[in-house]
Amino acid sequence: MAAATKATRVGEESRVDKVNAELVTLTYGTMVAQLCSDFDSNYVEVNNQLDKMGYNIGMRLIEDFFAKSGVPRCANLRETAETISKVGFKIFLNITPVVTNWAADNKQFSLIFEENPLADFVELPDDGKAQDELWFSNMLCGILRGALEMVQMQIEAHYVSDVLRGDDTTEMRITLLRYIDDEMPPDDE
């Protein structure tokens, strides 16, 4: 519980410049709509593209996270989960998803989003496919994958429910696949 308290304190104390939430929401929504158009409503491919974009953002965002938060390296996945929820999401989206549903081996957990600013003002396309195939906020999964890979944690992240699809909650499931060993780059000789 000490990790949760510490993460909450750091998340609340971090001083960051706030971007207008509506601007972020509308820009993200426009980007998703353009991807849906570009890929002719192939929502599986739209999900993949959102994940790839998020992964690239996450690889760079982690440096900004450490600079703004000043948090030390986490000791385990539980501490990492609390830090993601109470510091990372608080700093960048001003939300605090609930960390829950831990697997017995402590290698898998869920983030429950009581609010999701990326999904404000959003209605999924009414084409009979989007409700079953599009994960509108899938970029967040990629961001977590990219950021955690930079701190030597290979994870898999995916949504299991979304209020935009008519579910009661928005839930992201995160699984630790492995810790990545520090590797030296190959010799250029």
C-alpha atoms as a PDB file:
ATOM      1  CA  MET A   1       0.000   0.000   0.000  1.00  0.00           C
ATOM      2  CA  ALA A   2       2.999   2.292   0.485  1.00  0.00           C
ATOM      3  CA  ALA A   3       3.612   2.334  -3.282  1.00  0.00           C
ATOM      4  CA  ALA A   4       0.018   3.429  -3.911  1.00  0.00           C
ATOM      5  CA  THR A   5       0.245   6.263  -1.375  1.00  0.00           C
ATOM      6  CA  LYS A   6       3.595   7.447  -2.718  1.00  0.00           C
ATOM      7  CA  ALA A   7       2.340   7.311  -6.315  1.00  0.00           C
ATOM      8  CA  THR A   8      -0.776   9.291  -5.397  1.00  0.00           C
ATOM      9  CA  ARG A   9       1.304  11.976  -3.673  1.00  0.00           C
ATOM     10  CA  VAL A  10       3.717  12.316  -6.614  1.00  0.00           C
ATOM     11  CA  GLY A  11       0.825  12.445  -9.112  1.00  0.00           C
ATOM     12  CA  GLU A  12      -0.856  15.244  -7.206  1.00  0.00           C
ATOM     13  CA  GLU A  13       2.348  17.209  -6.579  1.00  0.00           C
ATOM     14  CA  SER A  14       3.729  17.067 -10.129  1.00  0.00           C
ATOM     15  CA  ARG A  15       3.626  20.469 -11.732  1.00  0.00           C
ATOM     16  CA  VAL A  16       2.879  20.253 -15.422  1.00  0.00           C
ATOM     17  CA  ASP A  17       1.542  22.538 -18.073  1.00  0.00           C
ATOM     18  CA  LYS A  18      -2.014  21.518 -18.948  1.00  0.00           C
ATOM     19  CA  VAL A  19      -3.105  21.338 -22.544  1.00  0.00           C
ATOM     20  CA  ASN A  20      -6.720  22.190 -23.219  1.00  0.00           C
ATOM     21  CA  ALA A  21      -8.488  18.841 -22.785  1.00  0.00           C
ATOM     22  CA  GLU A  22     -11.069  19.591 -25.453  1.00  0.00           C
ATOM     23  CA  LEU A  23      -8.323  20.323 -27.982  1.00  0.00           C
ATOM     24  CA  VAL A  24      -6.677  16.956 -27.293  1.00  0.00           C
ATOM     25  CA  THR A  25     -10.031  15.169 -27.420  1.00  0.00           C
ATOM     26  CA  LEU A  26     -11.118  16.732 -30.695  1.00  0.00           C
ATOM     27  CA  THR A  27      -7.707  16.280 -32.317  1.00  0.00           C
ATOM     28  CA  TYR A  28      -7.582  12.618 -31.309  1.00  0.00           C
ATOM     29  CA  GLY A  29     -11.143  12.062 -32.524  1.00  0.00           C
ATOM     30  CA  THR A  30     -10.325  13.657 -35.869  1.00  0.00           C
ATOM     31  CA  MET A  31      -7.251  11.459 -36.237  1.00  0.00           C
ATOM     32  CA  VAL A  32      -9.240   8.280 -35.509  1.00  0.00           C
ATOM     33  CA  ALA A  33     -11.933   9.354 -37.971  1.00  0.00           C
ATOM     34  CA  GLN A  34      -9.260   9.929 -40.640  1.00  0.00           C
ATOM     35  CA  LEU A  35      -7.765   6.479 -39.997  1.00  0.00           C
ATOM     36  CA  CYS A  36     -11.225   4.925 -40.337  1.00  0.00           C
ATOM     37  CA  SER A  37     -11.583   6.706 -43.667  1.00  0.00           C
ATOM     38  CA  ASP A  38      -8.051   5.849 -44.857  1.00  0.00           C
ATOM     39  CA  PHE A  39      -8.525   2.156 -44.085  1.00  0.00           C
ATOM     40  CA  ASP A  40     -12.091   1.959 -45.436  1.00  0.00           C
ATOM     41  CA  SER A  41     -13.555   1.092 -42.014  1.00  0.00           C
ATOM     42  CA  ASN A  42     -11.169  -1.851 -41.553  1.00  0.00           C
ATOM     43  CA  TYR A  43     -11.240  -1.392 -37.792  1.00  0.00           C
ATOM     44  CA  VAL A  44      -8.752  -4.159 -37.065  1.00  0.00           C
ATOM     45  CA  GLU A  45      -6.188  -2.216 -39.091  1.00  0.00           C
ATOM     46  CA  VAL A  46      -7.245   1.073 -37.461  1.00  0.00           C
ATOM     47  CA  ASN A  47      -6.628  -0.564 -34.045  1.00  0.00           C
ATOM     48  CA  ASN A  48      -3.179  -1.710 -35.242  1.00  0.00           C
ATOM     49  CA  GLN A  49      -2.301   1.770 -36.494  1.00  0.00           C
ATOM     50  CA  LEU A  50      -3.426   3.392 -33.231  1.00  0.00           C
ATOM     51  CA  ASP A  51      -1.314   0.888 -31.291  1.00  0.00           C
ATOM     52  CA  LYS A  52       1.751   1.558 -33.475  1.00  0.00           C
ATOM     53  CA  MET A  53       1.376   5.326 -33.111  1.00  0.00           C
ATOM     54  CA  GLY A  54       0.946   4.963 -29.373  1.00  0.00           C
ATOM     55  CA  TYR A  55       4.010   2.714 -29.130  1.00  0.00           C
ATOM     56  CA  ASN A  56       6.163   5.354 -30.814  1.00  0.00           C
ATOM     57  CA  ILE A  57       4.730   8.071 -28.570  1.00  0.00           C
ATOM     58  CA  GLY A  58       5.289   5.955 -25.446  1.00  0.00           C
ATOM     59  CA  MET A  59       8.945   5.375 -26.297  1.00  0.00           C
ATOM     60  CA  ARG A  60       9.468   9.131 -26.173  1.00  0.00           C
ATOM     61  CA  LEU A  61       6.916  10.036 -23.514  1.00  0.00           C
ATOM     62  CA  ILE A  62       8.693   8.015 -20.824  1.00  0.00           C
ATOM     63  CA  GLU A  63      11.543  10.555 -20.732  1.00  0.00           C
ATOM     64  CA  ASP A  64       9.056  13.380 -20.242  1.00  0.00           C
ATOM     65  CA  PHE A  65       7.336  11.332 -17.538  1.00  0.00           C
ATOM     66  CA  PHE A  66      10.555  10.884 -15.554  1.00  0.00           C
ATOM     67  CA  ALA A  67      11.506  14.541 -15.985  1.00  0.00           C
ATOM     68  CA  LYS A  68       8.108  15.790 -14.777  1.00  0.00           C
ATOM     69  CA  SER A  69       7.475  13.273 -12.027  1.00  0.00           C
ATOM     70  CA  GLY A  70      10.886  12.598 -10.559  1.00  0.00           C
ATOM     71  CA  VAL A  71       9.751   9.107  -9.528  1.00  0.00           C
ATOM     72  CA  PRO A  72      12.473   6.486  -9.074  1.00  0.00           C
ATOM     73  CA  ARG A  73      12.527   3.176 -10.913  1.00  0.00           C
ATOM     74  CA  CYS A  74       9.748   0.841  -9.765  1.00  0.00           C
ATOM     75  CA  ALA A  75      10.722  -2.380  -8.003  1.00  0.00           C
ATOM     76  CA  ASN A  76       7.984  -4.630  -9.414  1.00  0.00           C
ATOM     77  CA  LEU A  77       4.863  -4.738 -11.576  1.00  0.00           C
ATOM     78  CA  ARG A  78       2.531  -3.791  -8.705  1.00  0.00           C
ATOM     79  CA  GLU A  79       4.509  -0.623  -8.034  1.00  0.00           C
ATOM     80  CA  THR A  80       4.657   0.058 -11.786  1.00  0.00           C
ATOM     81  CA  ALA A  81       0.871  -0.311 -12.086  1.00  0.00           C
ATOM     82  CA  GLU A  82       0.243   2.148  -9.253  1.00  0.00           C
ATOM     83  CA  THR A  83       2.713   4.620 -10.750  1.00  0.00           C
ATOM     84  CA  ILE A  84       1.108   4.355 -14.195  1.00  0.00           C
ATOM     85  CA  SER A  85      -2.327   4.946 -12.737  1.00  0.00           C
ATOM     86  CA  LYS A  86      -1.692   7.588 -10.110  1.00  0.00           C
ATOM     87  CA  VAL A  87       1.207   9.474 -11.687  1.00  0.00           C
ATOM     88  CA  GLY A  88       1.377   8.825 -15.447  1.00  0.00           C
ATOM     89  CA  PHE A  89      -2.306   9.087 -16.287  1.00  0.00           C
ATOM     90  CA  LYS A  90      -2.693  11.926 -13.784  1.00  0.00           C
ATOM     91  CA  ILE A  91       0.122  13.944 -15.372  1.00  0.00           C
ATOM     92  CA  PHE A  92      -0.808  13.427 -19.014  1.00  0.00           C
ATOM     93  CA  LEU A  93      -4.617  13.006 -19.008  1.00  0.00           C
ATOM     94  CA  ASN A  94      -5.589  14.219 -15.531  1.00  0.00           C
ATOM     95  CA  ILE A  95      -7.353  10.934 -14.759  1.00  0.00           C
ATOM     96  CA  THR A  96      -6.597   8.127 -12.322  1.00  0.00           C
ATOM     97  CA  PRO A  97      -7.752   4.706 -13.540  1.00  0.00           C
ATOM     98  CA  VAL A  98      -8.317   2.042 -10.884  1.00  0.00           C
ATOM     99  CA  VAL A  99      -5.740  -0.760 -10.704  1.00  0.00           C
ATOM    100  CA  THR A 100      -7.558  -4.045 -10.068  1.00  0.00           C
ATOM    101  CA  ASN A 101      -8.081  -7.692 -11.075  1.00  0.00           C
ATOM    102  CA  TRP A 102      -4.567  -8.901 -10.334  1.00  0.00           C
ATOM    103  CA  ALA A 103      -3.716 -12.395 -11.548  1.00  0.00           C
ATOM    104  CA  ALA A 104      -2.476 -14.847  -8.915  1.00  0.00           C
ATOM    105  CA  ASP A 105       1.075 -14.683 -10.334  1.00  0.00           C
ATOM    106  CA  ASN A 106       1.102 -10.834 -10.160  1.00  0.00           C
ATOM    107  CA  LYS A 107       1.938 -10.609 -13.876  1.00  0.00           C
ATOM    108  CA  GLN A 108      -1.429  -9.332 -15.067  1.00  0.00           C
ATOM    109  CA  PHE A 109      -3.805  -6.574 -13.971  1.00  0.00           C
ATOM    110  CA  SER A 110      -6.560  -4.322 -15.236  1.00  0.00           C
ATOM    111  CA  LEU A 111      -6.955  -0.580 -15.416  1.00  0.00           C
ATOM    112  CA  ILE A 112     -10.582   0.498 -15.047  1.00  0.00           C
ATOM    113  CA  PHE A 113     -11.269   3.925 -16.540  1.00  0.00           C
ATOM    114  CA  GLU A 114     -14.099   5.749 -14.825  1.00  0.00           C
ATOM    115  CA  GLU A 115     -13.484   8.552 -17.294  1.00  0.00           C
ATOM    116  CA  ASN A 116     -11.608   8.721 -20.568  1.00  0.00           C
ATOM    117  CA  PRO A 117     -11.004  12.183 -22.004  1.00  0.00           C
ATOM    118  CA  LEU A 118     -10.094  10.681 -25.396  1.00  0.00           C
ATOM    119  CA  ALA A 119     -13.657   9.370 -25.679  1.00  0.00           C
ATOM    120  CA  ASP A 120     -15.474  12.606 -24.775  1.00  0.00           C
ATOM    121  CA  PHE A 121     -17.894  13.779 -27.491  1.00  0.00           C
ATOM    122  CA  VAL A 122     -17.473  10.440 -29.325  1.00  0.00           C
ATOM    123  CA  GLU A 123     -20.007   8.193 -30.985  1.00  0.00           C
ATOM    124  CA  LEU A 124     -18.685   5.174 -32.846  1.00  0.00           C
ATOM    125  CA  PRO A 125     -19.710   4.837 -36.499  1.00  0.00           C
ATOM    126  CA  ASP A 126     -23.098   3.174 -36.862  1.00  0.00           C
ATOM    127  CA  ASP A 127     -22.051   0.738 -39.565  1.00  0.00           C
ATOM    128  CA  GLY A 128     -22.665  -2.545 -37.776  1.00  0.00           C
ATOM    129  CA  LYS A 129     -18.911  -3.194 -37.394  1.00  0.00           C
ATOM    130  CA  ALA A 130     -17.397  -0.451 -35.240  1.00  0.00           C
ATOM    131  CA  GLN A 131     -19.264  -1.541 -32.082  1.00  0.00           C
ATOM    132  CA  ASP A 132     -17.610  -4.970 -32.339  1.00  0.00           C
ATOM    133  CA  GLU A 133     -14.218  -4.167 -33.855  1.00  0.00           C
ATOM    134  CA  LEU A 134     -12.997  -0.625 -33.065  1.00  0.00           C
ATOM    135  CA  TRP A 135     -11.155   0.090 -29.825  1.00  0.00           C
ATOM    136  CA  PHE A 136     -11.317   3.875 -30.023  1.00  0.00           C
ATOM    137  CA  SER A 137      -8.651   4.594 -27.383  1.00  0.00           C
ATOM    138  CA  ASN A 138      -6.262   1.856 -28.527  1.00  0.00           C
ATOM    139  CA  MET A 139      -3.434   4.386 -28.733  1.00  0.00           C
ATOM    140  CA  LEU A 140      -3.213   4.218 -24.925  1.00  0.00           C
ATOM    141  CA  CYS A 141      -2.319   0.507 -25.144  1.00  0.00           C
ATOM    142  CA  GLY A 142       0.527   1.331 -27.508  1.00  0.00           C
ATOM    143  CA  ILE A 143       1.720   4.188 -25.303  1.00  0.00           C
ATOM    144  CA  LEU A 144       2.003   1.838 -22.326  1.00  0.00           C
ATOM    145  CA  ARG A 145       3.795  -0.799 -24.435  1.00  0.00           C
ATOM    146  CA  GLY A 146       6.330   1.728 -25.752  1.00  0.00           C
ATOM    147  CA  ALA A 147       6.939   3.442 -22.416  1.00  0.00           C
ATOM    148  CA  LEU A 148       7.360   0.225 -20.446  1.00  0.00           C
ATOM    149  CA  GLU A 149       9.643  -1.283 -23.073  1.00  0.00           C
ATOM    150  CA  MET A 150      11.978   1.648 -22.496  1.00  0.00           C
ATOM    151  CA  VAL A 151      12.227   0.614 -18.834  1.00  0.00           C
ATOM    152  CA  GLN A 152      12.899  -3.041 -19.734  1.00  0.00           C
ATOM    153  CA  MET A 153       9.355  -4.410 -19.384  1.00  0.00           C
ATOM    154  CA  GLN A 154       7.761  -6.135 -22.354  1.00  0.00           C
ATOM    155  CA  ILE A 155       4.004  -6.079 -21.933  1.00  0.00           C
ATOM    156  CA  GLU A 156       0.852  -6.821 -23.865  1.00  0.00           C
ATOM    157  CA  ALA A 157      -2.024  -4.386 -23.412  1.00  0.00           C
ATOM    158  CA  HIS A 158      -5.534  -4.595 -24.832  1.00  0.00           C
ATOM    159  CA  TYR A 159      -9.041  -3.456 -24.054  1.00  0.00           C
ATOM    160  CA  VAL A 160     -11.575  -5.984 -22.841  1.00  0.00           C
ATOM    161  CA  SER A 161     -14.487  -3.539 -22.568  1.00  0.00           C
ATOM    162  CA  ASP A 162     -15.348   0.026 -23.538  1.00  0.00           C
ATOM    163  CA  VAL A 163     -18.327   2.205 -22.651  1.00  0.00           C
ATOM    164  CA  LEU A 164     -18.318   3.441 -26.258  1.00  0.00           C
ATOM    165  CA  ARG A 165     -19.234  -0.122 -27.275  1.00  0.00           C
ATOM    166  CA  GLY A 166     -22.094  -0.218 -24.793  1.00  0.00           C
ATOM    167  CA  ASP A 167     -20.170  -1.950 -21.992  1.00  0.00           C
ATOM    168  CA  ASP A 168     -20.626  -0.887 -18.362  1.00  0.00           C
ATOM    169  CA  THR A 169     -16.921  -0.032 -17.936  1.00  0.00           C
ATOM    170  CA  THR A 170     -13.807   0.686 -19.925  1.00  0.00           C
ATOM    171  CA  GLU A 171     -11.172  -1.861 -18.955  1.00  0.00           C
ATOM    172  CA  MET A 172      -7.634  -2.296 -20.247  1.00  0.00           C
ATOM    173  CA  ARG A 173      -5.818  -5.547 -19.444  1.00  0.00           C
ATOM    174  CA  ILE A 174      -2.019  -5.433 -19.068  1.00  0.00           C
ATOM    175  CA  THR A 175       0.147  -8.547 -19.036  1.00  0.00           C
ATOM    176  CA  LEU A 176       3.860  -8.615 -18.240  1.00  0.00           C
ATOM    177  CA  LEU A 177       5.454 -10.884 -20.836  1.00  0.00           C
ATOM    178  CA  ARG A 178       9.036 -10.586 -19.627  1.00  0.00           C
ATOM    179  CA  TYR A 179      11.685  -8.300 -18.237  1.00  0.00           C
ATOM    180  CA  ILE A 180      14.078  -7.284 -20.995  1.00  0.00           C
ATOM    181  CA  ASP A 181      17.767  -7.782 -20.287  1.00  0.00           C
ATOM    182  CA  ASP A 182      20.029  -4.851 -21.005  1.00  0.00           C
ATOM    183  CA  GLU A 183      21.715  -5.714 -24.266  1.00  0.00           C
ATOM    184  CA  MET A 184      24.803  -4.181 -25.745  1.00  0.00           C
ATOM    185  CA  PRO A 185      24.435  -3.050 -29.348  1.00  0.00           C
ATOM    186  CA  PRO A 186      26.226  -5.307 -31.840  1.00  0.00           C
ATOM    187  CA  ASP A 187      29.753  -4.315 -32.850  1.00  0.00           C
ATOM    188  CA  ASP A 188      30.007  -2.294 -36.019  1.00  0.00           C
ATOM    189  CA  GLU A 189      33.268  -3.930 -37.009  1.00  0.00           C
END
